[in-house]
Amino acid sequence: MTMLYILMAFLTAGVCIKLVHVLAHERGSPRAGREDRFLAAVVVLVLPAAALALYLLLGRPDMRGQQAIFDVTSELSMRQAALLARRPMSVLLEKNPDDIGAHLALAEINRRIARYDEEVKFLSRAVALAQATEDPFLRHYAVTLGQAKIRENGGVVSDDALAVFAFVRGIYPQEPLSRHYEALALAQRGDPAAALALWQQLLSEGPARAYWKDMVRKEMNTARNALRKAQAEKPSSTRENSE
């Protein structure tokens, strides 16, 4: 980012030189007038200072300037695409409020821009429509709704999310993602041992390279660490109670 700031300063200086040259040429004078010199001074002082302030506010000293530019540009591009896509989908809903595809698309757009409450709203409507029309992909929409409710709740499996996963299990009892999040709820509520037993059973089923198994293994490692920590703290607390 330091190199980015230096580059911006040099570009600013180049713009100032070009600006002063053009203004002097237009006035028929080989030198810039007092107003031109004042304008150049303001630009030279203000823009680098603004660039430095931006760097201090948003800079990442641990990241190379080029990578930082690409990361910021990628994020802005994603947000722009999401915002541009929102209106056409809204128009589709105005013409047909029961368009499941439009609701799913709007849910995905809101997920990309981290508006999880809106994501839940559109997914809830999509699930209701799919249930009314006996859509064959109902359980997949419902699983996505449960995941959205977890995102809305800051990563914690809420009772609302569990209710959605229970609904999914009613359609397809062996649904792996629903079982995974039910186990995660146990771990988050202080019972990592029970969660590990459910996860271990889940890993023994399905294809060896199923995409959801990486999620399961990651949470299992977290639960094991929590269990070890609890077991390590138990003897010391026992000694304190005996004293």
C-alpha atoms as a PDB file:
ATOM      1  CA  MET A   1       0.000   0.000   0.000  1.00  0.00           C
ATOM      2  CA  THR A   2       2.977   2.342   0.543  1.00  0.00           C
ATOM      3  CA  MET A   3       3.899   1.927  -3.112  1.00  0.00           C
ATOM      4  CA  LEU A   4       0.310   2.670  -4.055  1.00  0.00           C
ATOM      5  CA  TYR A   5       0.423   5.939  -2.117  1.00  0.00           C
ATOM      6  CA  ILE A   6       3.724   6.949  -3.783  1.00  0.00           C
ATOM      7  CA  LEU A   7       2.273   6.131  -7.201  1.00  0.00           C
ATOM      8  CA  MET A   8      -0.786   8.257  -6.487  1.00  0.00           C
ATOM      9  CA  ALA A   9       1.460  11.170  -5.434  1.00  0.00           C
ATOM     10  CA  PHE A  10       3.475  10.985  -8.658  1.00  0.00           C
ATOM     11  CA  LEU A  11       0.324  10.814 -10.755  1.00  0.00           C
ATOM     12  CA  THR A  12      -1.030  13.847  -8.930  1.00  0.00           C
ATOM     13  CA  ALA A  13       2.150  15.793  -9.624  1.00  0.00           C
ATOM     14  CA  GLY A  14       1.963  14.875 -13.299  1.00  0.00           C
ATOM     15  CA  VAL A  15      -1.629  16.028 -13.517  1.00  0.00           C
ATOM     16  CA  CYS A  16      -0.715  19.335 -11.876  1.00  0.00           C
ATOM     17  CA  ILE A  17       2.166  19.993 -14.271  1.00  0.00           C
ATOM     18  CA  LYS A  18      -0.053  19.257 -17.247  1.00  0.00           C
ATOM     19  CA  LEU A  19      -2.831  21.445 -15.860  1.00  0.00           C
ATOM     20  CA  VAL A  20      -0.566  24.428 -15.269  1.00  0.00           C
ATOM     21  CA  HIS A  21       0.958  24.071 -18.726  1.00  0.00           C
ATOM     22  CA  VAL A  22      -2.453  24.065 -20.401  1.00  0.00           C
ATOM     23  CA  LEU A  23      -3.677  27.071 -18.438  1.00  0.00           C
ATOM     24  CA  ALA A  24      -0.525  29.079 -19.153  1.00  0.00           C
ATOM     25  CA  HIS A  25      -0.720  28.240 -22.830  1.00  0.00           C
ATOM     26  CA  GLU A  26      -4.359  29.343 -23.023  1.00  0.00           C
ATOM     27  CA  ARG A  27      -3.501  32.711 -21.425  1.00  0.00           C
ATOM     28  CA  GLY A  28      -0.645  33.331 -23.830  1.00  0.00           C
ATOM     29  CA  SER A  29       1.928  33.478 -21.068  1.00  0.00           C
ATOM     30  CA  PRO A  30       4.991  31.279 -20.721  1.00  0.00           C
ATOM     31  CA  ARG A  31       4.395  31.152 -16.994  1.00  0.00           C
ATOM     32  CA  ALA A  32       1.357  30.310 -15.037  1.00  0.00           C
ATOM     33  CA  GLY A  33      -0.539  33.161 -13.448  1.00  0.00           C
ATOM     34  CA  ARG A  34      -1.079  33.604  -9.731  1.00  0.00           C
ATOM     35  CA  GLU A  35      -4.432  31.777  -9.876  1.00  0.00           C
ATOM     36  CA  ASP A  36      -2.862  28.870 -11.735  1.00  0.00           C
ATOM     37  CA  ARG A  37      -0.075  28.550  -9.188  1.00  0.00           C
ATOM     38  CA  PHE A  38      -2.633  28.657  -6.380  1.00  0.00           C
ATOM     39  CA  LEU A  39      -4.715  25.929  -8.038  1.00  0.00           C
ATOM     40  CA  ALA A  40      -1.653  23.763  -8.581  1.00  0.00           C
ATOM     41  CA  ALA A  41      -0.557  24.207  -4.962  1.00  0.00           C
ATOM     42  CA  VAL A  42      -3.988  23.234  -3.679  1.00  0.00           C
ATOM     43  CA  VAL A  43      -4.096  20.111  -5.846  1.00  0.00           C
ATOM     44  CA  VAL A  44      -0.551  19.111  -4.954  1.00  0.00           C
ATOM     45  CA  LEU A  45      -1.226  19.471  -1.233  1.00  0.00           C
ATOM     46  CA  VAL A  46      -4.811  18.288  -0.950  1.00  0.00           C
ATOM     47  CA  LEU A  47      -4.834  15.166  -3.111  1.00  0.00           C
ATOM     48  CA  PRO A  48      -1.756  13.493  -1.599  1.00  0.00           C
ATOM     49  CA  ALA A  49      -3.072  14.327   1.871  1.00  0.00           C
ATOM     50  CA  ALA A  50      -6.419  12.786   0.958  1.00  0.00           C
ATOM     51  CA  ALA A  51      -4.643   9.699  -0.389  1.00  0.00           C
ATOM     52  CA  LEU A  52      -2.648   9.390   2.840  1.00  0.00           C
ATOM     53  CA  ALA A  53      -5.812   9.744   4.927  1.00  0.00           C
ATOM     54  CA  LEU A  54      -7.461   6.998   2.852  1.00  0.00           C
ATOM     55  CA  TYR A  55      -4.439   4.774   3.358  1.00  0.00           C
ATOM     56  CA  LEU A  56      -4.431   5.320   7.125  1.00  0.00           C
ATOM     57  CA  LEU A  57      -8.141   4.577   7.265  1.00  0.00           C
ATOM     58  CA  LEU A  58      -8.335   1.544   4.974  1.00  0.00           C
ATOM     59  CA  GLY A  59      -4.717   0.552   4.346  1.00  0.00           C
ATOM     60  CA  ARG A  60      -3.444  -2.959   4.892  1.00  0.00           C
ATOM     61  CA  PRO A  61       0.291  -2.815   5.762  1.00  0.00           C
ATOM     62  CA  ASP A  62       0.405  -6.624   5.606  1.00  0.00           C
ATOM     63  CA  MET A  63      -0.815  -6.725   2.014  1.00  0.00           C
ATOM     64  CA  ARG A  64       1.020  -5.726  -1.120  1.00  0.00           C
ATOM     65  CA  GLY A  65      -0.450  -2.709  -2.896  1.00  0.00           C
ATOM     66  CA  GLN A  66      -1.271  -4.556  -6.115  1.00  0.00           C
ATOM     67  CA  GLN A  67      -3.125  -7.307  -4.258  1.00  0.00           C
ATOM     68  CA  ALA A  68      -5.031  -4.724  -2.224  1.00  0.00           C
ATOM     69  CA  ILE A  69      -6.151  -2.976  -5.420  1.00  0.00           C
ATOM     70  CA  PHE A  70      -7.408  -6.247  -6.896  1.00  0.00           C
ATOM     71  CA  ASP A  71      -9.240  -7.199  -3.695  1.00  0.00           C
ATOM     72  CA  VAL A  72     -11.022  -3.843  -3.420  1.00  0.00           C
ATOM     73  CA  THR A  73     -11.850  -3.823  -7.133  1.00  0.00           C
ATOM     74  CA  SER A  74     -13.241  -7.355  -6.934  1.00  0.00           C
ATOM     75  CA  GLU A  75     -15.448  -6.455  -3.978  1.00  0.00           C
ATOM     76  CA  LEU A  76     -16.766  -3.314  -5.666  1.00  0.00           C
ATOM     77  CA  SER A  77     -17.420  -5.223  -8.884  1.00  0.00           C
ATOM     78  CA  MET A  78     -19.368  -7.887  -7.007  1.00  0.00           C
ATOM     79  CA  ARG A  79     -21.500  -5.307  -5.224  1.00  0.00           C
ATOM     80  CA  GLN A  80     -22.147  -3.432  -8.461  1.00  0.00           C
ATOM     81  CA  ALA A  81     -23.216  -6.623 -10.212  1.00  0.00           C
ATOM     82  CA  ALA A  82     -25.522  -7.486  -7.330  1.00  0.00           C
ATOM     83  CA  LEU A  83     -27.131  -4.050  -7.317  1.00  0.00           C
ATOM     84  CA  LEU A  84     -27.575  -4.042 -11.091  1.00  0.00           C
ATOM     85  CA  ALA A  85     -29.140  -7.502 -10.984  1.00  0.00           C
ATOM     86  CA  ARG A  86     -31.582  -6.572  -8.254  1.00  0.00           C
ATOM     87  CA  ARG A  87     -33.895  -4.415 -10.372  1.00  0.00           C
ATOM     88  CA  PRO A  88     -34.554  -6.927 -13.182  1.00  0.00           C
ATOM     89  CA  MET A  89     -35.459  -9.573 -10.601  1.00  0.00           C
ATOM     90  CA  SER A  90     -37.782  -7.134  -8.840  1.00  0.00           C
ATOM     91  CA  VAL A  91     -39.497  -6.437 -12.167  1.00  0.00           C
ATOM     92  CA  LEU A  92     -40.095 -10.170 -12.603  1.00  0.00           C
ATOM     93  CA  LEU A  93     -41.765 -10.312  -9.191  1.00  0.00           C
ATOM     94  CA  GLU A  94     -43.945  -7.335 -10.083  1.00  0.00           C
ATOM     95  CA  LYS A  95     -45.199  -9.255 -13.115  1.00  0.00           C
ATOM     96  CA  ASN A  96     -45.419 -12.604 -11.325  1.00  0.00           C
ATOM     97  CA  PRO A  97     -45.231 -12.557  -7.498  1.00  0.00           C
ATOM     98  CA  ASP A  98     -45.188 -16.367  -7.493  1.00  0.00           C
ATOM     99  CA  ASP A  99     -41.981 -16.711  -9.523  1.00  0.00           C
ATOM    100  CA  ILE A 100     -39.835 -19.043  -7.399  1.00  0.00           C
ATOM    101  CA  GLY A 101     -36.759 -18.431  -9.534  1.00  0.00           C
ATOM    102  CA  ALA A 102     -36.939 -14.663  -9.025  1.00  0.00           C
ATOM    103  CA  HIS A 103     -37.256 -15.102  -5.252  1.00  0.00           C
ATOM    104  CA  LEU A 104     -34.238 -17.412  -5.212  1.00  0.00           C
ATOM    105  CA  ALA A 105     -32.221 -14.987  -7.357  1.00  0.00           C
ATOM    106  CA  LEU A 106     -33.067 -12.061  -5.083  1.00  0.00           C
ATOM    107  CA  ALA A 107     -32.121 -14.160  -2.051  1.00  0.00           C
ATOM    108  CA  GLU A 108     -28.730 -14.900  -3.596  1.00  0.00           C
ATOM    109  CA  ILE A 109     -28.182 -11.223  -4.451  1.00  0.00           C
ATOM    110  CA  ASN A 110     -28.896 -10.211  -0.870  1.00  0.00           C
ATOM    111  CA  ARG A 111     -26.593 -12.938   0.435  1.00  0.00           C
ATOM    112  CA  ARG A 112     -23.753 -11.546  -1.676  1.00  0.00           C
ATOM    113  CA  ILE A 113     -24.170  -8.086  -0.195  1.00  0.00           C
ATOM    114  CA  ALA A 114     -24.623  -9.467   3.347  1.00  0.00           C
ATOM    115  CA  ARG A 115     -28.283  -8.455   3.728  1.00  0.00           C
ATOM    116  CA  TYR A 116     -29.226 -11.703   5.404  1.00  0.00           C
ATOM    117  CA  ASP A 117     -32.614 -10.549   6.694  1.00  0.00           C
ATOM    118  CA  GLU A 118     -33.679  -9.887   3.091  1.00  0.00           C
ATOM    119  CA  GLU A 119     -32.194 -13.208   2.023  1.00  0.00           C
ATOM    120  CA  VAL A 120     -34.326 -14.992   4.620  1.00  0.00           C
ATOM    121  CA  LYS A 121     -37.420 -13.099   3.474  1.00  0.00           C
ATOM    122  CA  PHE A 122     -37.078 -14.128  -0.172  1.00  0.00           C
ATOM    123  CA  LEU A 123     -36.098 -17.712   0.658  1.00  0.00           C
ATOM    124  CA  SER A 124     -39.062 -18.087   3.012  1.00  0.00           C
ATOM    125  CA  ARG A 125     -41.385 -17.032   0.204  1.00  0.00           C
ATOM    126  CA  ALA A 126     -39.662 -19.399  -2.232  1.00  0.00           C
ATOM    127  CA  VAL A 127     -40.070 -22.320   0.198  1.00  0.00           C
ATOM    128  CA  ALA A 128     -43.761 -21.504   0.724  1.00  0.00           C
ATOM    129  CA  LEU A 129     -44.354 -21.378  -3.033  1.00  0.00           C
ATOM    130  CA  ALA A 130     -42.420 -24.601  -3.580  1.00  0.00           C
ATOM    131  CA  GLN A 131     -44.440 -26.322  -0.879  1.00  0.00           C
ATOM    132  CA  ALA A 132     -47.719 -25.145  -2.419  1.00  0.00           C
ATOM    133  CA  THR A 133     -46.727 -26.351  -5.889  1.00  0.00           C
ATOM    134  CA  GLU A 134     -45.034 -29.575  -4.682  1.00  0.00           C
ATOM    135  CA  ASP A 135     -41.771 -28.502  -6.259  1.00  0.00           C
ATOM    136  CA  PRO A 136     -39.297 -31.435  -6.377  1.00  0.00           C
ATOM    137  CA  PHE A 137     -36.501 -29.178  -5.134  1.00  0.00           C
ATOM    138  CA  LEU A 138     -38.387 -28.097  -2.014  1.00  0.00           C
ATOM    139  CA  ARG A 139     -35.973 -29.687   0.450  1.00  0.00           C
ATOM    140  CA  HIS A 140     -32.988 -27.997  -1.197  1.00  0.00           C
ATOM    141  CA  TYR A 141     -34.670 -24.597  -0.958  1.00  0.00           C
ATOM    142  CA  ALA A 142     -35.495 -25.296   2.675  1.00  0.00           C
ATOM    143  CA  VAL A 143     -31.916 -26.265   3.527  1.00  0.00           C
ATOM    144  CA  THR A 144     -30.741 -23.004   1.987  1.00  0.00           C
ATOM    145  CA  LEU A 145     -33.313 -21.166   4.095  1.00  0.00           C
ATOM    146  CA  GLY A 146     -31.971 -22.822   7.244  1.00  0.00           C
ATOM    147  CA  GLN A 147     -28.434 -21.782   6.339  1.00  0.00           C
ATOM    148  CA  ALA A 148     -29.631 -18.215   5.721  1.00  0.00           C
ATOM    149  CA  LYS A 149     -31.229 -18.132   9.168  1.00  0.00           C
ATOM    150  CA  ILE A 150     -27.873 -19.164  10.652  1.00  0.00           C
ATOM    151  CA  ARG A 151     -26.132 -16.356   8.760  1.00  0.00           C
ATOM    152  CA  GLU A 152     -28.801 -13.932   9.951  1.00  0.00           C
ATOM    153  CA  ASN A 153     -28.112 -15.061  13.525  1.00  0.00           C
ATOM    154  CA  GLY A 154     -24.364 -14.437  13.296  1.00  0.00           C
ATOM    155  CA  GLY A 155     -23.377 -18.069  12.684  1.00  0.00           C
ATOM    156  CA  VAL A 156     -25.348 -19.518  15.600  1.00  0.00           C
ATOM    157  CA  VAL A 157     -27.931 -22.227  14.869  1.00  0.00           C
ATOM    158  CA  SER A 158     -31.142 -20.666  16.167  1.00  0.00           C
ATOM    159  CA  ASP A 159     -34.381 -22.421  17.089  1.00  0.00           C
ATOM    160  CA  ASP A 160     -35.910 -21.072  13.867  1.00  0.00           C
ATOM    161  CA  ALA A 161     -33.129 -22.680  11.833  1.00  0.00           C
ATOM    162  CA  LEU A 162     -33.575 -25.979  13.699  1.00  0.00           C
ATOM    163  CA  ALA A 163     -37.291 -25.886  12.897  1.00  0.00           C
ATOM    164  CA  VAL A 164     -36.465 -25.534   9.200  1.00  0.00           C
ATOM    165  CA  PHE A 165     -34.013 -28.442   9.339  1.00  0.00           C
ATOM    166  CA  ALA A 166     -36.613 -30.559  11.151  1.00  0.00           C
ATOM    167  CA  PHE A 167     -39.015 -29.745   8.296  1.00  0.00           C
ATOM    168  CA  VAL A 168     -36.369 -30.917   5.811  1.00  0.00           C
ATOM    169  CA  ARG A 169     -35.819 -34.134   7.759  1.00  0.00           C
ATOM    170  CA  GLY A 170     -39.555 -34.744   7.525  1.00  0.00           C
ATOM    171  CA  ILE A 171     -39.234 -34.720   3.745  1.00  0.00           C
ATOM    172  CA  TYR A 172     -35.954 -36.643   3.563  1.00  0.00           C
ATOM    173  CA  PRO A 173     -34.791 -38.094   6.919  1.00  0.00           C
ATOM    174  CA  GLN A 174     -31.208 -38.715   5.789  1.00  0.00           C
ATOM    175  CA  GLU A 175     -30.602 -35.169   4.504  1.00  0.00           C
ATOM    176  CA  PRO A 176     -26.924 -34.627   5.461  1.00  0.00           C
ATOM    177  CA  LEU A 177     -26.780 -30.853   5.811  1.00  0.00           C
ATOM    178  CA  SER A 178     -29.760 -30.778   8.155  1.00  0.00           C
ATOM    179  CA  ARG A 179     -28.132 -33.409  10.340  1.00  0.00           C
ATOM    180  CA  HIS A 180     -24.842 -31.507  10.258  1.00  0.00           C
ATOM    181  CA  TYR A 181     -26.452 -28.306  11.529  1.00  0.00           C
ATOM    182  CA  GLU A 182     -28.432 -30.185  14.164  1.00  0.00           C
ATOM    183  CA  ALA A 183     -25.117 -31.532  15.467  1.00  0.00           C
ATOM    184  CA  LEU A 184     -23.598 -28.048  15.279  1.00  0.00           C
ATOM    185  CA  ALA A 185     -26.454 -26.735  17.414  1.00  0.00           C
ATOM    186  CA  LEU A 186     -25.563 -29.305  20.089  1.00  0.00           C
ATOM    187  CA  ALA A 187     -21.917 -28.243  20.018  1.00  0.00           C
ATOM    188  CA  GLN A 188     -22.824 -24.561  20.246  1.00  0.00           C
ATOM    189  CA  ARG A 189     -25.116 -25.260  23.199  1.00  0.00           C
ATOM    190  CA  GLY A 190     -22.420 -26.944  25.255  1.00  0.00           C
ATOM    191  CA  ASP A 191     -22.607 -30.634  24.296  1.00  0.00           C
ATOM    192  CA  PRO A 192     -19.652 -31.262  21.960  1.00  0.00           C
ATOM    193  CA  ALA A 193     -19.534 -34.979  22.834  1.00  0.00           C
ATOM    194  CA  ALA A 194     -23.067 -35.566  21.507  1.00  0.00           C
ATOM    195  CA  ALA A 195     -22.285 -33.452  18.436  1.00  0.00           C
ATOM    196  CA  LEU A 196     -19.157 -35.488  17.704  1.00  0.00           C
ATOM    197  CA  ALA A 197     -21.128 -38.728  17.869  1.00  0.00           C
ATOM    198  CA  LEU A 198     -23.648 -37.419  15.333  1.00  0.00           C
ATOM    199  CA  TRP A 199     -20.930 -36.083  13.046  1.00  0.00           C
ATOM    200  CA  GLN A 200     -19.011 -39.351  13.192  1.00  0.00           C
ATOM    201  CA  GLN A 201     -22.128 -41.228  12.119  1.00  0.00           C
ATOM    202  CA  LEU A 202     -22.672 -38.718   9.324  1.00  0.00           C
ATOM    203  CA  LEU A 203     -19.112 -39.162   8.018  1.00  0.00           C
ATOM    204  CA  SER A 204     -19.626 -42.913   7.741  1.00  0.00           C
ATOM    205  CA  GLU A 205     -22.433 -42.351   5.236  1.00  0.00           C
ATOM    206  CA  GLY A 206     -22.562 -41.011   1.715  1.00  0.00           C
ATOM    207  CA  PRO A 207     -19.774 -40.618  -0.868  1.00  0.00           C
ATOM    208  CA  ALA A 208     -16.244 -40.279   0.495  1.00  0.00           C
ATOM    209  CA  ARG A 209     -15.734 -37.004  -1.389  1.00  0.00           C
ATOM    210  CA  ALA A 210     -19.106 -35.419  -0.612  1.00  0.00           C
ATOM    211  CA  TYR A 211     -18.664 -31.654  -0.442  1.00  0.00           C
ATOM    212  CA  TRP A 212     -20.367 -31.367   2.944  1.00  0.00           C
ATOM    213  CA  LYS A 213     -17.885 -33.711   4.636  1.00  0.00           C
ATOM    214  CA  ASP A 214     -15.220 -31.003   4.723  1.00  0.00           C
ATOM    215  CA  MET A 215     -17.672 -28.803   6.648  1.00  0.00           C
ATOM    216  CA  VAL A 216     -18.298 -31.656   9.079  1.00  0.00           C
ATOM    217  CA  ARG A 217     -14.588 -32.327   9.655  1.00  0.00           C
ATOM    218  CA  LYS A 218     -13.884 -28.654  10.302  1.00  0.00           C
ATOM    219  CA  GLU A 219     -16.599 -28.412  12.949  1.00  0.00           C
ATOM    220  CA  MET A 220     -15.488 -31.712  14.464  1.00  0.00           C
ATOM    221  CA  ASN A 221     -12.000 -30.307  14.997  1.00  0.00           C
ATOM    222  CA  THR A 222     -13.467 -27.270  16.727  1.00  0.00           C
ATOM    223  CA  ALA A 223     -15.657 -29.470  18.939  1.00  0.00           C
ATOM    224  CA  ARG A 224     -12.709 -31.739  19.857  1.00  0.00           C
ATOM    225  CA  ASN A 225     -10.649 -28.715  20.888  1.00  0.00           C
ATOM    226  CA  ALA A 226     -13.518 -27.457  23.043  1.00  0.00           C
ATOM    227  CA  LEU A 227     -13.878 -30.889  24.623  1.00  0.00           C
ATOM    228  CA  ARG A 228     -10.131 -31.116  25.394  1.00  0.00           C
ATOM    229  CA  LYS A 229     -10.190 -27.656  26.931  1.00  0.00           C
ATOM    230  CA  ALA A 230     -13.153 -28.569  29.128  1.00  0.00           C
ATOM    231  CA  GLN A 231     -11.469 -31.796  30.268  1.00  0.00           C
ATOM    232  CA  ALA A 232      -8.217 -29.952  31.023  1.00  0.00           C
ATOM    233  CA  GLU A 233     -10.016 -27.395  33.176  1.00  0.00           C
ATOM    234  CA  LYS A 234     -12.063 -29.974  35.090  1.00  0.00           C
ATOM    235  CA  PRO A 235      -9.290 -31.232  37.489  1.00  0.00           C
ATOM    236  CA  SER A 236      -8.323 -27.690  38.539  1.00  0.00           C
ATOM    237  CA  SER A 237     -11.927 -26.764  39.283  1.00  0.00           C
ATOM    238  CA  THR A 238     -12.343 -30.000  41.248  1.00  0.00           C
ATOM    239  CA  ARG A 239      -9.304 -29.150  43.378  1.00  0.00           C
ATOM    240  CA  GLU A 240     -10.608 -25.653  44.040  1.00  0.00           C
ATOM    241  CA  ASN A 241     -13.972 -27.060  45.236  1.00  0.00           C
ATOM    242  CA  SER A 242     -12.267 -29.524  47.556  1.00  0.00           C
ATOM    243  CA  GLU A 243     -10.193 -26.748  49.124  1.00  0.00           C
END
